[in-house]
Amino acid sequence: MNIVSFINIGGIVQAINGIFDGNCFKPIEPIPVKGKYEVIITFTKPIGTKNSRRKRILKYFGTWNNEDVETINEIVQERTNFSMNRDEI
């Protein structure tokens, strides 16, 4: 749960994350209050579509050479090996 609380003149204000689908706000966290409340909805960033994410990734296609790819694969493998023996992960 990622609830943010802060003090307002009228009392404690709590914030939760959610998604606006173009018509409705849908909380993605439990709502920490009951009853009717006045709310402020803040639009923070658009949610990319699958195609826009793909376009952002593809603009970097071909920018890494084989040495870069090998280095990244080694780092990923080292982190995987390190994490395999940890109980808290």
PDB file of N, CA and C in Angstrom:
ATOM      1  N   MET A   1       0.847  -1.167   0.000  1.00  0.00           N
ATOM      2  CA  MET A   1       0.000   0.000   0.000  1.00  0.00           C
ATOM      3  C   MET A   1       0.894   1.233   0.000  1.00  0.00           C
ATOM      4  N   ASN A   2       0.572   2.209  -0.813  1.00  0.00           N
ATOM      5  CA  ASN A   2       1.388   3.397  -0.966  1.00  0.00           C
ATOM      6  C   ASN A   2       0.556   4.631  -0.631  1.00  0.00           C
ATOM      7  N   ILE A   3       0.024   4.681   0.571  1.00  0.00           N
ATOM      8  CA  ILE A   3      -0.839   5.796   0.974  1.00  0.00           C
ATOM      9  C   ILE A   3       0.032   6.933   1.486  1.00  0.00           C
ATOM     10  N   VAL A   4      -0.228   8.120   0.973  1.00  0.00           N
ATOM     11  CA  VAL A   4       0.501   9.312   1.402  1.00  0.00           C
ATOM     12  C   VAL A   4      -0.448  10.120   2.265  1.00  0.00           C
ATOM     13  N   SER A   5       0.005  10.506   3.447  1.00  0.00           N
ATOM     14  CA  SER A   5      -0.820  11.326   4.332  1.00  0.00           C
ATOM     15  C   SER A   5      -0.097  12.621   4.650  1.00  0.00           C
ATOM     16  N   PHE A   6      -0.832  13.709   4.756  1.00  0.00           N
ATOM     17  CA  PHE A   6      -0.264  14.957   5.217  1.00  0.00           C
ATOM     18  C   PHE A   6      -1.367  15.766   5.877  1.00  0.00           C
ATOM     19  N   ILE A   7      -0.965  16.742   6.657  1.00  0.00           N
ATOM     20  CA  ILE A   7      -1.922  17.534   7.430  1.00  0.00           C
ATOM     21  C   ILE A   7      -2.422  18.710   6.585  1.00  0.00           C
ATOM     22  N   ASN A   8      -3.713  18.911   6.600  1.00  0.00           N
ATOM     23  CA  ASN A   8      -4.353  20.040   5.947  1.00  0.00           C
ATOM     24  C   ASN A   8      -5.042  20.828   7.058  1.00  0.00           C
ATOM     25  N   ILE A   9      -5.437  22.034   6.791  1.00  0.00           N
ATOM     26  CA  ILE A   9      -6.103  22.837   7.819  1.00  0.00           C
ATOM     27  C   ILE A   9      -7.332  22.113   8.367  1.00  0.00           C
ATOM     28  N   GLY A  10      -8.033  21.382   7.522  1.00  0.00           N
ATOM     29  CA  GLY A  10      -9.234  20.678   7.947  1.00  0.00           C
ATOM     30  C   GLY A  10      -8.971  19.309   8.549  1.00  0.00           C
ATOM     31  N   GLY A  11      -7.737  18.838   8.597  1.00  0.00           N
ATOM     32  CA  GLY A  11      -7.431  17.524   9.144  1.00  0.00           C
ATOM     33  C   GLY A  11      -6.383  16.815   8.303  1.00  0.00           C
ATOM     34  N   ILE A  12      -6.347  15.496   8.393  1.00  0.00           N
ATOM     35  CA  ILE A  12      -5.365  14.701   7.659  1.00  0.00           C
ATOM     36  C   ILE A  12      -5.895  14.406   6.263  1.00  0.00           C
ATOM     37  N   VAL A  13      -5.039  14.585   5.273  1.00  0.00           N
ATOM     38  CA  VAL A  13      -5.382  14.293   3.884  1.00  0.00           C
ATOM     39  C   VAL A  13      -4.618  13.045   3.474  1.00  0.00           C
ATOM     40  N   GLN A  14      -5.283  12.108   2.826  1.00  0.00           N
ATOM     41  CA  GLN A  14      -4.647  10.881   2.380  1.00  0.00           C
ATOM     42  C   GLN A  14      -4.747  10.770   0.869  1.00  0.00           C
ATOM     43  N   ALA A  15      -3.688  10.233   0.254  1.00  0.00           N
ATOM     44  CA  ALA A  15      -3.674  10.070  -1.202  1.00  0.00           C
ATOM     45  C   ALA A  15      -3.428   8.611  -1.547  1.00  0.00           C
ATOM     46  N   ILE A  16      -4.069   8.137  -2.600  1.00  0.00           N
ATOM     47  CA  ILE A  16      -3.839   6.789  -3.112  1.00  0.00           C
ATOM     48  C   ILE A  16      -3.601   6.872  -4.615  1.00  0.00           C
ATOM     49  N   ASN A  17      -3.004   5.855  -5.165  1.00  0.00           N
ATOM     50  CA  ASN A  17      -2.786   5.785  -6.604  1.00  0.00           C
ATOM     51  C   ASN A  17      -3.983   5.134  -7.279  1.00  0.00           C
ATOM     52  N   GLY A  18      -4.208   5.532  -8.518  1.00  0.00           N
ATOM     53  CA  GLY A  18      -5.291   4.961  -9.289  1.00  0.00           C
ATOM     54  C   GLY A  18      -5.052   5.193 -10.767  1.00  0.00           C
ATOM     55  N   ILE A  19      -5.987   4.747 -11.567  1.00  0.00           N
ATOM     56  CA  ILE A  19      -5.899   4.899 -13.016  1.00  0.00           C
ATOM     57  C   ILE A  19      -7.200   5.517 -13.503  1.00  0.00           C
ATOM     58  N   PHE A  20      -7.088   6.495 -14.375  1.00  0.00           N
ATOM     59  CA  PHE A  20      -8.246   7.081 -15.044  1.00  0.00           C
ATOM     60  C   PHE A  20      -8.295   6.481 -16.432  1.00  0.00           C
ATOM     61  N   ASP A  21      -9.373   5.782 -16.760  1.00  0.00           N
ATOM     62  CA  ASP A  21      -9.457   5.064 -18.036  1.00  0.00           C
ATOM     63  C   ASP A  21     -10.095   5.894 -19.148  1.00  0.00           C
ATOM     64  N   GLY A  22     -10.269   7.173 -18.905  1.00  0.00           N
ATOM     65  CA  GLY A  22     -10.910   8.043 -19.884  1.00  0.00           C
ATOM     66  C   GLY A  22     -12.327   8.391 -19.487  1.00  0.00           C
ATOM     67  N   ASN A  23     -12.912   7.563 -18.607  1.00  0.00           N
ATOM     68  CA  ASN A  23     -14.269   7.800 -18.108  1.00  0.00           C
ATOM     69  C   ASN A  23     -14.347   7.781 -16.591  1.00  0.00           C
ATOM     70  N   CYS A  24     -13.659   6.829 -15.988  1.00  0.00           N
ATOM     71  CA  CYS A  24     -13.773   6.622 -14.544  1.00  0.00           C
ATOM     72  C   CYS A  24     -12.403   6.529 -13.894  1.00  0.00           C
ATOM     73  N   PHE A  25     -12.355   6.968 -12.640  1.00  0.00           N
ATOM     74  CA  PHE A  25     -11.151   6.784 -11.824  1.00  0.00           C
ATOM     75  C   PHE A  25     -11.253   5.420 -11.149  1.00  0.00           C
ATOM     76  N   LYS A  26     -10.199   4.613 -11.263  1.00  0.00           N
ATOM     77  CA  LYS A  26     -10.190   3.287 -10.641  1.00  0.00           C
ATOM     78  C   LYS A  26      -8.996   3.193  -9.697  1.00  0.00           C
ATOM     79  N   PRO A  27      -9.257   3.107  -8.376  1.00  0.00           N
ATOM     80  CA  PRO A  27      -8.152   2.980  -7.423  1.00  0.00           C
ATOM     81  C   PRO A  27      -7.385   1.678  -7.660  1.00  0.00           C
ATOM     82  N   ILE A  28      -6.066   1.728  -7.503  1.00  0.00           N
ATOM     83  CA  ILE A  28      -5.257   0.511  -7.588  1.00  0.00           C
ATOM     84  C   ILE A  28      -4.697   0.155  -6.219  1.00  0.00           C
ATOM     85  N   GLU A  29      -5.170   0.848  -5.213  1.00  0.00           N
ATOM     86  CA  GLU A  29      -4.816   0.586  -3.823  1.00  0.00           C
ATOM     87  C   GLU A  29      -6.099   0.604  -3.004  1.00  0.00           C
ATOM     88  N   PRO A  30      -6.073  -0.002  -1.830  1.00  0.00           N
ATOM     89  CA  PRO A  30      -7.268   0.055  -0.974  1.00  0.00           C
ATOM     90  C   PRO A  30      -7.600   1.502  -0.601  1.00  0.00           C
ATOM     91  N   ILE A  31      -8.882   1.813  -0.557  1.00  0.00           N
ATOM     92  CA  ILE A  31      -9.313   3.157  -0.152  1.00  0.00           C
ATOM     93  C   ILE A  31      -9.316   3.192   1.376  1.00  0.00           C
ATOM     94  N   PRO A  32      -8.534   4.116   1.974  1.00  0.00           N
ATOM     95  CA  PRO A  32      -8.328   4.100   3.429  1.00  0.00           C
ATOM     96  C   PRO A  32      -9.425   4.775   4.236  1.00  0.00           C
ATOM     97  N   VAL A  33     -10.524   5.201   3.597  1.00  0.00           N
ATOM     98  CA  VAL A  33     -11.604   5.895   4.305  1.00  0.00           C
ATOM     99  C   VAL A  33     -12.939   5.278   3.935  1.00  0.00           C
ATOM    100  N   LYS A  34     -13.932   5.552   4.743  1.00  0.00           N
ATOM    101  CA  LYS A  34     -15.290   5.109   4.460  1.00  0.00           C
ATOM    102  C   LYS A  34     -16.185   6.339   4.379  1.00  0.00           C
ATOM    103  N   GLY A  35     -17.281   6.215   3.664  1.00  0.00           N
ATOM    104  CA  GLY A  35     -18.212   7.327   3.562  1.00  0.00           C
ATOM    105  C   GLY A  35     -17.888   8.241   2.393  1.00  0.00           C
ATOM    106  N   LYS A  36     -18.600   9.363   2.349  1.00  0.00           N
ATOM    107  CA  LYS A  36     -18.418  10.326   1.267  1.00  0.00           C
ATOM    108  C   LYS A  36     -17.310  11.305   1.617  1.00  0.00           C
ATOM    109  N   TYR A  37     -16.475  11.590   0.635  1.00  0.00           N
ATOM    110  CA  TYR A  37     -15.369  12.527   0.823  1.00  0.00           C
ATOM    111  C   TYR A  37     -15.243  13.428  -0.389  1.00  0.00           C
ATOM    112  N   GLU A  38     -14.827  14.624  -0.157  1.00  0.00           N
ATOM    113  CA  GLU A  38     -14.421  15.500  -1.233  1.00  0.00           C
ATOM    114  C   GLU A  38     -13.018  15.048  -1.642  1.00  0.00           C
ATOM    115  N   VAL A  39     -12.771  14.946  -2.939  1.00  0.00           N
ATOM    116  CA  VAL A  39     -11.474  14.461  -3.407  1.00  0.00           C
ATOM    117  C   VAL A  39     -10.869  15.434  -4.416  1.00  0.00           C
ATOM    118  N   ILE A  40      -9.564  15.344  -4.560  1.00  0.00           N
ATOM    119  CA  ILE A  40      -8.837  16.039  -5.614  1.00  0.00           C
ATOM    120  C   ILE A  40      -8.118  14.952  -6.407  1.00  0.00           C
ATOM    121  N   ILE A  41      -8.381  14.893  -7.693  1.00  0.00           N
ATOM    122  CA  ILE A  41      -7.718  13.904  -8.545  1.00  0.00           C
ATOM    123  C   ILE A  41      -6.664  14.641  -9.357  1.00  0.00           C
ATOM    124  N   THR A  42      -5.425  14.172  -9.255  1.00  0.00           N
ATOM    125  CA  THR A  42      -4.305  14.784  -9.955  1.00  0.00           C
ATOM    126  C   THR A  42      -3.845  13.845 -11.061  1.00  0.00           C
ATOM    127  N   PHE A  43      -3.779  14.341 -12.268  1.00  0.00           N
ATOM    128  CA  PHE A  43      -3.315  13.543 -13.400  1.00  0.00           C
ATOM    129  C   PHE A  43      -1.804  13.709 -13.499  1.00  0.00           C
ATOM    130  N   THR A  44      -1.058  12.632 -13.238  1.00  0.00           N
ATOM    131  CA  THR A  44       0.397  12.737 -13.151  1.00  0.00           C
ATOM    132  C   THR A  44       1.125  12.407 -14.439  1.00  0.00           C
ATOM    133  N   LYS A  45       0.713  11.351 -15.144  1.00  0.00           N
ATOM    134  CA  LYS A  45       1.376  10.995 -16.402  1.00  0.00           C
ATOM    135  C   LYS A  45       0.474  10.066 -17.196  1.00  0.00           C
ATOM    136  N   PRO A  46       0.545  10.172 -18.510  1.00  0.00           N
ATOM    137  CA  PRO A  46      -0.282   9.272 -19.317  1.00  0.00           C
ATOM    138  C   PRO A  46       0.272   7.854 -19.262  1.00  0.00           C
ATOM    139  N   ILE A  47      -0.621   6.902 -19.392  1.00  0.00           N
ATOM    140  CA  ILE A  47      -0.210   5.506 -19.438  1.00  0.00           C
ATOM    141  C   ILE A  47      -0.024   5.151 -20.897  1.00  0.00           C
ATOM    142  N   GLY A  48       1.188   4.736 -21.255  1.00  0.00           N
ATOM    143  CA  GLY A  48       1.491   4.431 -22.643  1.00  0.00           C
ATOM    144  C   GLY A  48       0.777   3.184 -23.127  1.00  0.00           C
ATOM    145  N   THR A  49       0.466   3.196 -24.379  1.00  0.00           N
ATOM    146  CA  THR A  49      -0.090   2.000 -24.988  1.00  0.00           C
ATOM    147  C   THR A  49       1.044   1.068 -25.353  1.00  0.00           C
ATOM    148  N   LYS A  50       0.710  -0.137 -25.702  1.00  0.00           N
ATOM    149  CA  LYS A  50       1.729  -1.111 -26.070  1.00  0.00           C
ATOM    150  C   LYS A  50       2.567  -0.586 -27.231  1.00  0.00           C
ATOM    151  N   ASN A  51       1.940   0.052 -28.205  1.00  0.00           N
ATOM    152  CA  ASN A  51       2.668   0.564 -29.362  1.00  0.00           C
ATOM    153  C   ASN A  51       3.606   1.709 -28.992  1.00  0.00           C
ATOM    154  N   SER A  52       3.181   2.609 -28.094  1.00  0.00           N
ATOM    155  CA  SER A  52       4.052   3.720 -27.728  1.00  0.00           C
ATOM    156  C   SER A  52       5.254   3.222 -26.934  1.00  0.00           C
ATOM    157  N   ARG A  53       5.055   2.208 -26.093  1.00  0.00           N
ATOM    158  CA  ARG A  53       6.200   1.625 -25.371  1.00  0.00           C
ATOM    159  C   ARG A  53       7.161   0.985 -26.356  1.00  0.00           C
ATOM    160  N   ARG A  54       6.605   0.287 -27.316  1.00  0.00           N
ATOM    161  CA  ARG A  54       7.437  -0.375 -28.321  1.00  0.00           C
ATOM    162  C   ARG A  54       8.242   0.669 -29.099  1.00  0.00           C
ATOM    163  N   LYS A  55       7.625   1.784 -29.458  1.00  0.00           N
ATOM    164  CA  LYS A  55       8.322   2.836 -30.197  1.00  0.00           C
ATOM    165  C   LYS A  55       9.470   3.417 -29.375  1.00  0.00           C
ATOM    166  N   ARG A  56       9.227   3.625 -28.070  1.00  0.00           N
ATOM    167  CA  ARG A  56      10.294   4.161 -27.215  1.00  0.00           C
ATOM    168  C   ARG A  56      11.465   3.195 -27.132  1.00  0.00           C
ATOM    169  N   ILE A  57      11.183   1.916 -27.073  1.00  0.00           N
ATOM    170  CA  ILE A  57      12.251   0.912 -27.009  1.00  0.00           C
ATOM    171  C   ILE A  57      12.976   0.811 -28.341  1.00  0.00           C
ATOM    172  N   LEU A  58      12.223   0.798 -29.427  1.00  0.00           N
ATOM    173  CA  LEU A  58      12.819   0.616 -30.746  1.00  0.00           C
ATOM    174  C   LEU A  58      13.713   1.770 -31.167  1.00  0.00           C
ATOM    175  N   LYS A  59      13.523   2.958 -30.601  1.00  0.00           N
ATOM    176  CA  LYS A  59      14.392   4.060 -30.994  1.00  0.00           C
ATOM    177  C   LYS A  59      15.835   3.810 -30.538  1.00  0.00           C
ATOM    178  N   TYR A  60      16.020   2.897 -29.574  1.00  0.00           N
ATOM    179  CA  TYR A  60      17.370   2.552 -29.120  1.00  0.00           C
ATOM    180  C   TYR A  60      17.910   1.298 -29.804  1.00  0.00           C
ATOM    181  N   PHE A  61      17.097   0.679 -30.631  1.00  0.00           N
ATOM    182  CA  PHE A  61      17.508  -0.541 -31.314  1.00  0.00           C
ATOM    183  C   PHE A  61      18.754  -0.274 -32.152  1.00  0.00           C
ATOM    184  N   GLY A  62      19.751  -1.123 -31.989  1.00  0.00           N
ATOM    185  CA  GLY A  62      20.977  -0.989 -32.763  1.00  0.00           C
ATOM    186  C   GLY A  62      21.994  -0.047 -32.164  1.00  0.00           C
ATOM    187  N   THR A  63      21.688   0.580 -31.015  1.00  0.00           N
ATOM    188  CA  THR A  63      22.651   1.514 -30.430  1.00  0.00           C
ATOM    189  C   THR A  63      23.690   0.816 -29.563  1.00  0.00           C
ATOM    190  N   TRP A  64      23.413  -0.424 -29.153  1.00  0.00           N
ATOM    191  CA  TRP A  64      24.379  -1.177 -28.362  1.00  0.00           C
ATOM    192  C   TRP A  64      25.130  -2.124 -29.279  1.00  0.00           C
ATOM    193  N   ASN A  65      26.441  -2.208 -29.078  1.00  0.00           N
ATOM    194  CA  ASN A  65      27.214  -3.179 -29.840  1.00  0.00           C
ATOM    195  C   ASN A  65      27.264  -4.486 -29.062  1.00  0.00           C
ATOM    196  N   ASN A  66      27.885  -5.511 -29.624  1.00  0.00           N
ATOM    197  CA  ASN A  66      27.922  -6.837 -28.986  1.00  0.00           C
ATOM    198  C   ASN A  66      28.605  -6.792 -27.627  1.00  0.00           C
ATOM    199  N   GLU A  67      29.642  -5.968 -27.491  1.00  0.00           N
ATOM    200  CA  GLU A  67      30.342  -5.856 -26.200  1.00  0.00           C
ATOM    201  C   GLU A  67      29.400  -5.305 -25.125  1.00  0.00           C
ATOM    202  N   ASP A  68      28.603  -4.290 -25.483  1.00  0.00           N
ATOM    203  CA  ASP A  68      27.622  -3.736 -24.537  1.00  0.00           C
ATOM    204  C   ASP A  68      26.619  -4.799 -24.105  1.00  0.00           C
ATOM    205  N   VAL A  69      26.113  -5.553 -25.068  1.00  0.00           N
ATOM    206  CA  VAL A  69      25.121  -6.591 -24.777  1.00  0.00           C
ATOM    207  C   VAL A  69      25.720  -7.660 -23.873  1.00  0.00           C
ATOM    208  N   GLU A  70      26.959  -8.073 -24.141  1.00  0.00           N
ATOM    209  CA  GLU A  70      27.627  -9.077 -23.295  1.00  0.00           C
ATOM    210  C   GLU A  70      27.792  -8.549 -21.875  1.00  0.00           C
ATOM    211  N   THR A  71      28.189  -7.288 -21.735  1.00  0.00           N
ATOM    212  CA  THR A  71      28.362  -6.690 -20.408  1.00  0.00           C
ATOM    213  C   THR A  71      27.041  -6.672 -19.647  1.00  0.00           C
ATOM    214  N   ILE A  72      25.972  -6.278 -20.308  1.00  0.00           N
ATOM    215  CA  ILE A  72      24.655  -6.242 -19.661  1.00  0.00           C
ATOM    216  C   ILE A  72      24.219  -7.646 -19.263  1.00  0.00           C
ATOM    217  N   ASN A  73      24.406  -8.616 -20.143  1.00  0.00           N
ATOM    218  CA  ASN A  73      24.052  -9.999 -19.814  1.00  0.00           C
ATOM    219  C   ASN A  73      24.850 -10.512 -18.623  1.00  0.00           C
ATOM    220  N   GLU A  74      26.129 -10.151 -18.529  1.00  0.00           N
ATOM    221  CA  GLU A  74      26.954 -10.559 -17.382  1.00  0.00           C
ATOM    222  C   GLU A  74      26.423  -9.949 -16.089  1.00  0.00           C
ATOM    223  N   ILE A  75      26.051  -8.676 -16.126  1.00  0.00           N
ATOM    224  CA  ILE A  75      25.518  -8.008 -14.931  1.00  0.00           C
ATOM    225  C   ILE A  75      24.213  -8.672 -14.495  1.00  0.00           C
ATOM    226  N   VAL A  76      23.328  -8.936 -15.442  1.00  0.00           N
ATOM    227  CA  VAL A  76      22.053  -9.589 -15.121  1.00  0.00           C
ATOM    228  C   VAL A  76      22.307 -10.961 -14.516  1.00  0.00           C
ATOM    229  N   GLN A  77      23.231 -11.728 -15.075  1.00  0.00           N
ATOM    230  CA  GLN A  77      23.542 -13.060 -14.565  1.00  0.00           C
ATOM    231  C   GLN A  77      24.124 -12.987 -13.154  1.00  0.00           C
ATOM    232  N   GLU A  78      25.038 -12.022 -12.916  1.00  0.00           N
ATOM    233  CA  GLU A  78      25.617 -11.850 -11.574  1.00  0.00           C
ATOM    234  C   GLU A  78      24.532 -11.532 -10.550  1.00  0.00           C
ATOM    235  N   ARG A  79      23.618 -10.645 -10.902  1.00  0.00           N
ATOM    236  CA  ARG A  79      22.531 -10.278  -9.977  1.00  0.00           C
ATOM    237  C   ARG A  79      21.592 -11.450  -9.743  1.00  0.00           C
ATOM    238  N   THR A  80      21.338 -12.221 -10.776  1.00  0.00           N
ATOM    239  CA  THR A  80      20.485 -13.403 -10.632  1.00  0.00           C
ATOM    240  C   THR A  80      21.143 -14.406  -9.703  1.00  0.00           C
ATOM    241  N   ASN A  81      22.419 -14.666  -9.909  1.00  0.00           N
ATOM    242  CA  ASN A  81      23.146 -15.607  -9.058  1.00  0.00           C
ATOM    243  C   ASN A  81      23.191 -15.123  -7.612  1.00  0.00           C
ATOM    244  N   PHE A  82      23.390 -13.829  -7.407  1.00  0.00           N
ATOM    245  CA  PHE A  82      23.433 -13.259  -6.072  1.00  0.00           C
ATOM    246  C   PHE A  82      22.089 -13.410  -5.373  1.00  0.00           C
ATOM    247  N   SER A  83      21.009 -13.185  -6.105  1.00  0.00           N
ATOM    248  CA  SER A  83      19.668 -13.215  -5.521  1.00  0.00           C
ATOM    249  C   SER A  83      19.169 -14.621  -5.232  1.00  0.00           C
ATOM    250  N   MET A  84      19.690 -15.615  -5.927  1.00  0.00           N
ATOM    251  CA  MET A  84      19.171 -16.980  -5.785  1.00  0.00           C
ATOM    252  C   MET A  84      19.341 -17.534  -4.378  1.00  0.00           C
ATOM    253  N   ASN A  85      20.355 -17.109  -3.652  1.00  0.00           N
ATOM    254  CA  ASN A  85      20.622 -17.658  -2.309  1.00  0.00           C
ATOM    255  C   ASN A  85      20.137 -16.758  -1.200  1.00  0.00           C
ATOM    256  N   ARG A  86      19.294 -15.789  -1.495  1.00  0.00           N
ATOM    257  CA  ARG A  86      18.796 -14.867  -0.467  1.00  0.00           C
ATOM    258  C   ARG A  86      17.348 -15.195  -0.154  1.00  0.00           C
ATOM    259  N   ASP A  87      17.070 -15.391   1.130  1.00  0.00           N
ATOM    260  CA  ASP A  87      15.712 -15.748   1.557  1.00  0.00           C
ATOM    261  C   ASP A  87      14.730 -14.587   1.424  1.00  0.00           C
ATOM    262  N   GLU A  88      15.194 -13.346   1.616  1.00  0.00           N
ATOM    263  CA  GLU A  88      14.269 -12.228   1.645  1.00  0.00           C
ATOM    264  C   GLU A  88      13.807 -11.795   0.262  1.00  0.00           C
ATOM    265  N   ILE A  89      14.307 -12.374  -0.776  1.00  0.00           N
ATOM    266  CA  ILE A  89      13.931 -11.971  -2.138  1.00  0.00           C
ATOM    267  C   ILE A  89      12.885 -12.919  -2.676  1.00  0.00           C
TER     268      ILE A  89
END
